[in-house]
Amino acid sequence: MARVNLPVEVARSYCHGERNHDIAASDIRAIVKTLELQFPGIGERLNRGLAVAIDGEIFQEWLLQEVEVNSEVYFLPAIEGG
């Protein structure tokens, strides 16, 4: 299962403070869907203003990125440039 790490404010608002979740999924979309089933409303929040790091590589466009069985997934504040 992929190890998913959520930002503190998201975990506090939706998951009773639990930041780490083990989720069986093949891509980030499936992870978000699984989290949404467990914590209604979290899906919309994760899709707004966050980037995702999968095994150390950061993605700004991440919804369809694949994950491996033992991947580490971090939802991070999006990096804005200017």
PDB file of N, CA and C in Angstrom:
ATOM      1  N   MET A   1       0.836  -1.188   0.000  1.00  0.00           N
ATOM      2  CA  MET A   1       0.000   0.000   0.000  1.00  0.00           C
ATOM      3  C   MET A   1       0.875   1.244   0.000  1.00  0.00           C
ATOM      4  N   ALA A   2       0.425   2.262  -0.696  1.00  0.00           N
ATOM      5  CA  ALA A   2       1.146   3.529  -0.711  1.00  0.00           C
ATOM      6  C   ALA A   2       0.970   4.214   0.645  1.00  0.00           C
ATOM      7  N   ARG A   3       2.031   4.854   1.106  1.00  0.00           N
ATOM      8  CA  ARG A   3       1.990   5.612   2.359  1.00  0.00           C
ATOM      9  C   ARG A   3       1.705   7.064   1.989  1.00  0.00           C
ATOM     10  N   VAL A   4       0.562   7.601   2.418  1.00  0.00           N
ATOM     11  CA  VAL A   4       0.119   8.948   2.058  1.00  0.00           C
ATOM     12  C   VAL A   4       0.244   9.857   3.267  1.00  0.00           C
ATOM     13  N   ASN A   5       0.911  11.001   3.065  1.00  0.00           N
ATOM     14  CA  ASN A   5       1.121  11.980   4.128  1.00  0.00           C
ATOM     15  C   ASN A   5       0.387  13.260   3.757  1.00  0.00           C
ATOM     16  N   LEU A   6      -0.485  13.697   4.649  1.00  0.00           N
ATOM     17  CA  LEU A   6      -1.283  14.903   4.418  1.00  0.00           C
ATOM     18  C   LEU A   6      -0.722  16.092   5.181  1.00  0.00           C
ATOM     19  N   PRO A   7      -0.926  17.313   4.679  1.00  0.00           N
ATOM     20  CA  PRO A   7      -0.515  18.505   5.421  1.00  0.00           C
ATOM     21  C   PRO A   7      -1.273  18.586   6.751  1.00  0.00           C
ATOM     22  N   VAL A   8      -0.670  19.204   7.730  1.00  0.00           N
ATOM     23  CA  VAL A   8      -1.249  19.305   9.069  1.00  0.00           C
ATOM     24  C   VAL A   8      -2.652  19.898   9.036  1.00  0.00           C
ATOM     25  N   GLU A   9      -2.846  21.015   8.318  1.00  0.00           N
ATOM     26  CA  GLU A   9      -4.159  21.667   8.333  1.00  0.00           C
ATOM     27  C   GLU A   9      -5.240  20.800   7.697  1.00  0.00           C
ATOM     28  N   VAL A  10      -4.895  20.034   6.685  1.00  0.00           N
ATOM     29  CA  VAL A  10      -5.864  19.127   6.058  1.00  0.00           C
ATOM     30  C   VAL A  10      -6.191  17.982   7.018  1.00  0.00           C
ATOM     31  N   ALA A  11      -5.171  17.418   7.631  1.00  0.00           N
ATOM     32  CA  ALA A  11      -5.390  16.319   8.580  1.00  0.00           C
ATOM     33  C   ALA A  11      -6.249  16.769   9.760  1.00  0.00           C
ATOM     34  N   ARG A  12      -5.995  17.948  10.263  1.00  0.00           N
ATOM     35  CA  ARG A  12      -6.796  18.459  11.390  1.00  0.00           C
ATOM     36  C   ARG A  12      -8.245  18.691  10.991  1.00  0.00           C
ATOM     37  N   SER A  13      -8.462  19.226   9.794  1.00  0.00           N
ATOM     38  CA  SER A  13      -9.811  19.573   9.352  1.00  0.00           C
ATOM     39  C   SER A  13     -10.656  18.363   8.966  1.00  0.00           C
ATOM     40  N   TYR A  14     -10.017  17.317   8.463  1.00  0.00           N
ATOM     41  CA  TYR A  14     -10.783  16.202   7.902  1.00  0.00           C
ATOM     42  C   TYR A  14     -10.524  14.839   8.548  1.00  0.00           C
ATOM     43  N   CYS A  15      -9.357  14.643   9.145  1.00  0.00           N
ATOM     44  CA  CYS A  15      -8.945  13.295   9.569  1.00  0.00           C
ATOM     45  C   CYS A  15      -8.630  13.199  11.056  1.00  0.00           C
ATOM     46  N   HIS A  16      -9.212  14.055  11.864  1.00  0.00           N
ATOM     47  CA  HIS A  16      -8.958  14.045  13.309  1.00  0.00           C
ATOM     48  C   HIS A  16      -7.465  14.123  13.623  1.00  0.00           C
ATOM     49  N   GLY A  17      -6.724  14.826  12.753  1.00  0.00           N
ATOM     50  CA  GLY A  17      -5.302  15.033  12.974  1.00  0.00           C
ATOM     51  C   GLY A  17      -4.397  13.938  12.441  1.00  0.00           C
ATOM     52  N   GLU A  18      -4.946  12.852  11.935  1.00  0.00           N
ATOM     53  CA  GLU A  18      -4.130  11.744  11.425  1.00  0.00           C
ATOM     54  C   GLU A  18      -3.540  12.102  10.066  1.00  0.00           C
ATOM     55  N   ARG A  19      -2.231  12.261  10.023  1.00  0.00           N
ATOM     56  CA  ARG A  19      -1.558  12.706   8.800  1.00  0.00           C
ATOM     57  C   ARG A  19      -1.176  11.575   7.864  1.00  0.00           C
ATOM     58  N   ASN A  20      -0.918  10.390   8.387  1.00  0.00           N
ATOM     59  CA  ASN A  20      -0.421   9.279   7.578  1.00  0.00           C
ATOM     60  C   ASN A  20      -1.498   8.228   7.359  1.00  0.00           C
ATOM     61  N   HIS A  21      -1.614   7.794   6.103  1.00  0.00           N
ATOM     62  CA  HIS A  21      -2.630   6.818   5.734  1.00  0.00           C
ATOM     63  C   HIS A  21      -2.014   5.828   4.747  1.00  0.00           C
ATOM     64  N   ASP A  22      -2.282   4.550   4.936  1.00  0.00           N
ATOM     65  CA  ASP A  22      -1.843   3.522   3.989  1.00  0.00           C
ATOM     66  C   ASP A  22      -3.017   3.212   3.071  1.00  0.00           C
ATOM     67  N   ILE A  23      -2.809   3.397   1.763  1.00  0.00           N
ATOM     68  CA  ILE A  23      -3.897   3.262   0.809  1.00  0.00           C
ATOM     69  C   ILE A  23      -3.449   2.420  -0.382  1.00  0.00           C
ATOM     70  N   ALA A  24      -4.262   1.432  -0.731  1.00  0.00           N
ATOM     71  CA  ALA A  24      -4.005   0.619  -1.918  1.00  0.00           C
ATOM     72  C   ALA A  24      -4.610   1.337  -3.117  1.00  0.00           C
ATOM     73  N   ALA A  25      -3.759   1.800  -4.026  1.00  0.00           N
ATOM     74  CA  ALA A  25      -4.222   2.532  -5.199  1.00  0.00           C
ATOM     75  C   ALA A  25      -3.132   2.506  -6.264  1.00  0.00           C
ATOM     76  N   SER A  26      -3.551   2.661  -7.521  1.00  0.00           N
ATOM     77  CA  SER A  26      -2.586   2.652  -8.621  1.00  0.00           C
ATOM     78  C   SER A  26      -2.212   4.041  -9.103  1.00  0.00           C
ATOM     79  N   ASP A  27      -3.011   5.056  -8.709  1.00  0.00           N
ATOM     80  CA  ASP A  27      -2.686   6.427  -9.084  1.00  0.00           C
ATOM     81  C   ASP A  27      -3.250   7.396  -8.042  1.00  0.00           C
ATOM     82  N   ILE A  28      -2.892   8.654  -8.180  1.00  0.00           N
ATOM     83  CA  ILE A  28      -3.296   9.654  -7.189  1.00  0.00           C
ATOM     84  C   ILE A  28      -4.806   9.853  -7.194  1.00  0.00           C
ATOM     85  N   ARG A  29      -5.428   9.779  -8.335  1.00  0.00           N
ATOM     86  CA  ARG A  29      -6.890   9.922  -8.394  1.00  0.00           C
ATOM     87  C   ARG A  29      -7.565   8.879  -7.495  1.00  0.00           C
ATOM     88  N   ALA A  30      -7.094   7.650  -7.526  1.00  0.00           N
ATOM     89  CA  ALA A  30      -7.664   6.590  -6.683  1.00  0.00           C
ATOM     90  C   ALA A  30      -7.397   6.855  -5.206  1.00  0.00           C
ATOM     91  N   ILE A  31      -6.245   7.433  -4.892  1.00  0.00           N
ATOM     92  CA  ILE A  31      -5.944   7.794  -3.499  1.00  0.00           C
ATOM     93  C   ILE A  31      -6.923   8.847  -3.017  1.00  0.00           C
ATOM     94  N   VAL A  32      -7.134   9.883  -3.824  1.00  0.00           N
ATOM     95  CA  VAL A  32      -8.065  10.948  -3.445  1.00  0.00           C
ATOM     96  C   VAL A  32      -9.477  10.383  -3.274  1.00  0.00           C
ATOM     97  N   LYS A  33      -9.877   9.508  -4.176  1.00  0.00           N
ATOM     98  CA  LYS A  33     -11.207   8.903  -4.095  1.00  0.00           C
ATOM     99  C   LYS A  33     -11.360   8.080  -2.810  1.00  0.00           C
ATOM    100  N   THR A  34     -10.359   7.313  -2.465  1.00  0.00           N
ATOM    101  CA  THR A  34     -10.392   6.516  -1.237  1.00  0.00           C
ATOM    102  C   THR A  34     -10.471   7.403  -0.009  1.00  0.00           C
ATOM    103  N   LEU A  35      -9.661   8.458   0.014  1.00  0.00           N
ATOM    104  CA  LEU A  35      -9.702   9.391   1.141  1.00  0.00           C
ATOM    105  C   LEU A  35     -11.065  10.066   1.241  1.00  0.00           C
ATOM    106  N   GLU A  36     -11.647  10.427   0.097  1.00  0.00           N
ATOM    107  CA  GLU A  36     -12.961  11.077   0.076  1.00  0.00           C
ATOM    108  C   GLU A  36     -14.037  10.162   0.665  1.00  0.00           C
ATOM    109  N   LEU A  37     -13.952   8.874   0.390  1.00  0.00           N
ATOM    110  CA  LEU A  37     -14.916   7.929   0.955  1.00  0.00           C
ATOM    111  C   LEU A  37     -14.805   7.851   2.474  1.00  0.00           C
ATOM    112  N   GLN A  38     -13.590   7.942   2.984  1.00  0.00           N
ATOM    113  CA  GLN A  38     -13.357   7.874   4.429  1.00  0.00           C
ATOM    114  C   GLN A  38     -13.603   9.204   5.119  1.00  0.00           C
ATOM    115  N   PHE A  39     -13.277  10.300   4.429  1.00  0.00           N
ATOM    116  CA  PHE A  39     -13.338  11.632   5.019  1.00  0.00           C
ATOM    117  C   PHE A  39     -14.040  12.591   4.042  1.00  0.00           C
ATOM    118  N   PRO A  40     -15.368  12.595   4.041  1.00  0.00           N
ATOM    119  CA  PRO A  40     -16.108  13.422   3.078  1.00  0.00           C
ATOM    120  C   PRO A  40     -15.649  14.885   3.073  1.00  0.00           C
ATOM    121  N   GLY A  41     -15.444  15.412   1.863  1.00  0.00           N
ATOM    122  CA  GLY A  41     -15.011  16.790   1.693  1.00  0.00           C
ATOM    123  C   GLY A  41     -13.525  16.946   1.463  1.00  0.00           C
ATOM    124  N   ILE A  42     -12.742  15.936   1.826  1.00  0.00           N
ATOM    125  CA  ILE A  42     -11.286  16.058   1.701  1.00  0.00           C
ATOM    126  C   ILE A  42     -10.839  16.102   0.243  1.00  0.00           C
ATOM    127  N   GLY A  43     -11.575  15.436  -0.644  1.00  0.00           N
ATOM    128  CA  GLY A  43     -11.189  15.405  -2.053  1.00  0.00           C
ATOM    129  C   GLY A  43     -11.127  16.783  -2.670  1.00  0.00           C
ATOM    130  N   GLU A  44     -12.140  17.585  -2.411  1.00  0.00           N
ATOM    131  CA  GLU A  44     -12.161  18.953  -2.934  1.00  0.00           C
ATOM    132  C   GLU A  44     -10.984  19.755  -2.395  1.00  0.00           C
ATOM    133  N   ARG A  45     -10.687  19.585  -1.123  1.00  0.00           N
ATOM    134  CA  ARG A  45      -9.565  20.316  -0.510  1.00  0.00           C
ATOM    135  C   ARG A  45      -8.232  19.891  -1.103  1.00  0.00           C
ATOM    136  N   LEU A  46      -8.040  18.601  -1.333  1.00  0.00           N
ATOM    137  CA  LEU A  46      -6.776  18.116  -1.888  1.00  0.00           C
ATOM    138  C   LEU A  46      -6.574  18.598  -3.320  1.00  0.00           C
ATOM    139  N   ASN A  47      -7.650  18.834  -4.034  1.00  0.00           N
ATOM    140  CA  ASN A  47      -7.562  19.291  -5.419  1.00  0.00           C
ATOM    141  C   ASN A  47      -7.358  20.798  -5.542  1.00  0.00           C
ATOM    142  N   ARG A  48      -7.212  21.495  -4.428  1.00  0.00           N
ATOM    143  CA  ARG A  48      -7.109  22.954  -4.442  1.00  0.00           C
ATOM    144  C   ARG A  48      -5.795  23.405  -3.794  1.00  0.00           C
ATOM    145  N   GLY A  49      -4.864  23.909  -4.614  1.00  0.00           N
ATOM    146  CA  GLY A  49      -3.661  24.549  -4.097  1.00  0.00           C
ATOM    147  C   GLY A  49      -2.595  23.634  -3.532  1.00  0.00           C
ATOM    148  N   LEU A  50      -2.604  22.367  -3.936  1.00  0.00           N
ATOM    149  CA  LEU A  50      -1.585  21.456  -3.436  1.00  0.00           C
ATOM    150  C   LEU A  50      -0.833  20.806  -4.588  1.00  0.00           C
ATOM    151  N   ALA A  51       0.424  20.521  -4.350  1.00  0.00           N
ATOM    152  CA  ALA A  51       1.234  19.715  -5.255  1.00  0.00           C
ATOM    153  C   ALA A  51       1.375  18.348  -4.590  1.00  0.00           C
ATOM    154  N   VAL A  52       1.926  17.398  -5.326  1.00  0.00           N
ATOM    155  CA  VAL A  52       2.126  16.065  -4.781  1.00  0.00           C
ATOM    156  C   VAL A  52       3.557  15.629  -5.060  1.00  0.00           C
ATOM    157  N   ALA A  53       4.197  15.061  -4.047  1.00  0.00           N
ATOM    158  CA  ALA A  53       5.501  14.436  -4.221  1.00  0.00           C
ATOM    159  C   ALA A  53       5.300  12.928  -4.130  1.00  0.00           C
ATOM    160  N   ILE A  54       5.778  12.228  -5.151  1.00  0.00           N
ATOM    161  CA  ILE A  54       5.709  10.774  -5.177  1.00  0.00           C
ATOM    162  C   ILE A  54       7.136  10.263  -5.197  1.00  0.00           C
ATOM    163  N   ASP A  55       7.508   9.567  -4.148  1.00  0.00           N
ATOM    164  CA  ASP A  55       8.862   9.026  -4.016  1.00  0.00           C
ATOM    165  C   ASP A  55       9.925  10.094  -4.266  1.00  0.00           C
ATOM    166  N   GLY A  56       9.686  11.296  -3.746  1.00  0.00           N
ATOM    167  CA  GLY A  56      10.659  12.372  -3.811  1.00  0.00           C
ATOM    168  C   GLY A  56      10.566  13.271  -5.033  1.00  0.00           C
ATOM    169  N   GLU A  57       9.736  12.954  -6.007  1.00  0.00           N
ATOM    170  CA  GLU A  57       9.587  13.787  -7.198  1.00  0.00           C
ATOM    171  C   GLU A  57       8.288  14.585  -7.089  1.00  0.00           C
ATOM    172  N   ILE A  58       8.385  15.916  -7.239  1.00  0.00           N
ATOM    173  CA  ILE A  58       7.236  16.799  -7.075  1.00  0.00           C
ATOM    174  C   ILE A  58       6.513  16.995  -8.405  1.00  0.00           C
ATOM    175  N   PHE A  59       5.178  16.908  -8.335  1.00  0.00           N
ATOM    176  CA  PHE A  59       4.329  17.088  -9.508  1.00  0.00           C
ATOM    177  C   PHE A  59       3.324  18.195  -9.228  1.00  0.00           C
ATOM    178  N   GLN A  60       3.196  19.139 -10.157  1.00  0.00           N
ATOM    179  CA  GLN A  60       2.172  20.172 -10.051  1.00  0.00           C
ATOM    180  C   GLN A  60       0.858  19.661 -10.656  1.00  0.00           C
ATOM    181  N   GLU A  61       0.953  18.918 -11.742  1.00  0.00           N
ATOM    182  CA  GLU A  61      -0.197  18.280 -12.392  1.00  0.00           C
ATOM    183  C   GLU A  61      -0.124  16.809 -12.016  1.00  0.00           C
ATOM    184  N   TRP A  62      -0.840  16.423 -10.987  1.00  0.00           N
ATOM    185  CA  TRP A  62      -0.581  15.127 -10.369  1.00  0.00           C
ATOM    186  C   TRP A  62      -1.726  14.139 -10.400  1.00  0.00           C
ATOM    187  N   LEU A  63      -2.895  14.507 -10.815  1.00  0.00           N
ATOM    188  CA  LEU A  63      -4.073  13.665 -10.656  1.00  0.00           C
ATOM    189  C   LEU A  63      -3.914  12.269 -11.261  1.00  0.00           C
ATOM    190  N   LEU A  64      -3.286  12.146 -12.413  1.00  0.00           N
ATOM    191  CA  LEU A  64      -3.156  10.845 -13.070  1.00  0.00           C
ATOM    192  C   LEU A  64      -1.803  10.178 -12.852  1.00  0.00           C
ATOM    193  N   GLN A  65      -0.965  10.755 -11.997  1.00  0.00           N
ATOM    194  CA  GLN A  65       0.341  10.152 -11.735  1.00  0.00           C
ATOM    195  C   GLN A  65       0.165   8.792 -11.070  1.00  0.00           C
ATOM    196  N   GLU A  66       0.925   7.822 -11.549  1.00  0.00           N
ATOM    197  CA  GLU A  66       0.866   6.478 -11.001  1.00  0.00           C
ATOM    198  C   GLU A  66       1.665   6.379  -9.713  1.00  0.00           C
ATOM    199  N   VAL A  67       1.255   5.456  -8.864  1.00  0.00           N
ATOM    200  CA  VAL A  67       1.983   5.159  -7.639  1.00  0.00           C
ATOM    201  C   VAL A  67       2.248   3.654  -7.583  1.00  0.00           C
ATOM    202  N   GLU A  68       3.343   3.309  -6.968  1.00  0.00           N
ATOM    203  CA  GLU A  68       3.707   1.904  -6.789  1.00  0.00           C
ATOM    204  C   GLU A  68       3.177   1.418  -5.439  1.00  0.00           C
ATOM    205  N   VAL A  69       3.232   0.130  -5.227  1.00  0.00           N
ATOM    206  CA  VAL A  69       2.737  -0.473  -3.988  1.00  0.00           C
ATOM    207  C   VAL A  69       3.400   0.141  -2.756  1.00  0.00           C
ATOM    208  N   ASN A  70       4.691   0.417  -2.833  1.00  0.00           N
ATOM    209  CA  ASN A  70       5.422   0.946  -1.684  1.00  0.00           C
ATOM    210  C   ASN A  70       5.775   2.421  -1.819  1.00  0.00           C
ATOM    211  N   SER A  71       5.053   3.150  -2.646  1.00  0.00           N
ATOM    212  CA  SER A  71       5.348   4.576  -2.843  1.00  0.00           C
ATOM    213  C   SER A  71       5.057   5.387  -1.586  1.00  0.00           C
ATOM    214  N   GLU A  72       5.813   6.471  -1.442  1.00  0.00           N
ATOM    215  CA  GLU A  72       5.539   7.476  -0.420  1.00  0.00           C
ATOM    216  C   GLU A  72       4.974   8.686  -1.148  1.00  0.00           C
ATOM    217  N   VAL A  73       3.782   9.098  -0.721  1.00  0.00           N
ATOM    218  CA  VAL A  73       3.068  10.198  -1.379  1.00  0.00           C
ATOM    219  C   VAL A  73       2.865  11.316  -0.365  1.00  0.00           C
ATOM    220  N   TYR A  74       3.288  12.518  -0.725  1.00  0.00           N
ATOM    221  CA  TYR A  74       3.119  13.687   0.139  1.00  0.00           C
ATOM    222  C   TYR A  74       2.315  14.745  -0.596  1.00  0.00           C
ATOM    223  N   PHE A  75       1.234  15.198   0.018  1.00  0.00           N
ATOM    224  CA  PHE A  75       0.501  16.351  -0.497  1.00  0.00           C
ATOM    225  C   PHE A  75       1.156  17.581   0.132  1.00  0.00           C
ATOM    226  N   LEU A  76       1.558  18.541  -0.710  1.00  0.00           N
ATOM    227  CA  LEU A  76       2.341  19.711  -0.288  1.00  0.00           C
ATOM    228  C   LEU A  76       1.687  20.990  -0.794  1.00  0.00           C
ATOM    229  N   PRO A  77       1.923  22.117  -0.112  1.00  0.00           N
ATOM    230  CA  PRO A  77       1.476  23.382  -0.666  1.00  0.00           C
ATOM    231  C   PRO A  77       2.116  23.587  -2.041  1.00  0.00           C
ATOM    232  N   ALA A  78       1.325  24.002  -3.016  1.00  0.00           N
ATOM    233  CA  ALA A  78       1.834  24.196  -4.369  1.00  0.00           C
ATOM    234  C   ALA A  78       2.880  25.301  -4.391  1.00  0.00           C
ATOM    235  N   ILE A  79       3.875  25.121  -5.237  1.00  0.00           N
ATOM    236  CA  ILE A  79       4.935  26.102  -5.396  1.00  0.00           C
ATOM    237  C   ILE A  79       4.529  27.067  -6.502  1.00  0.00           C
ATOM    238  N   GLU A  80       4.441  28.335  -6.146  1.00  0.00           N
ATOM    239  CA  GLU A  80       4.051  29.348  -7.134  1.00  0.00           C
ATOM    240  C   GLU A  80       5.274  30.094  -7.605  1.00  0.00           C
ATOM    241  N   GLY A  81       5.312  30.345  -8.890  1.00  0.00           N
ATOM    242  CA  GLY A  81       6.433  31.084  -9.458  1.00  0.00           C
ATOM    243  C   GLY A  81       5.969  32.440  -9.970  1.00  0.00           C
ATOM    244  N   GLY A  82       6.918  33.275 -10.288  1.00  0.00           N
ATOM    245  CA  GLY A  82       6.490  34.563 -10.785  1.00  0.00           C
ATOM    246  C   GLY A  82       7.563  35.341 -11.415  1.00  0.00           C
TER     247      GLY A  82
END
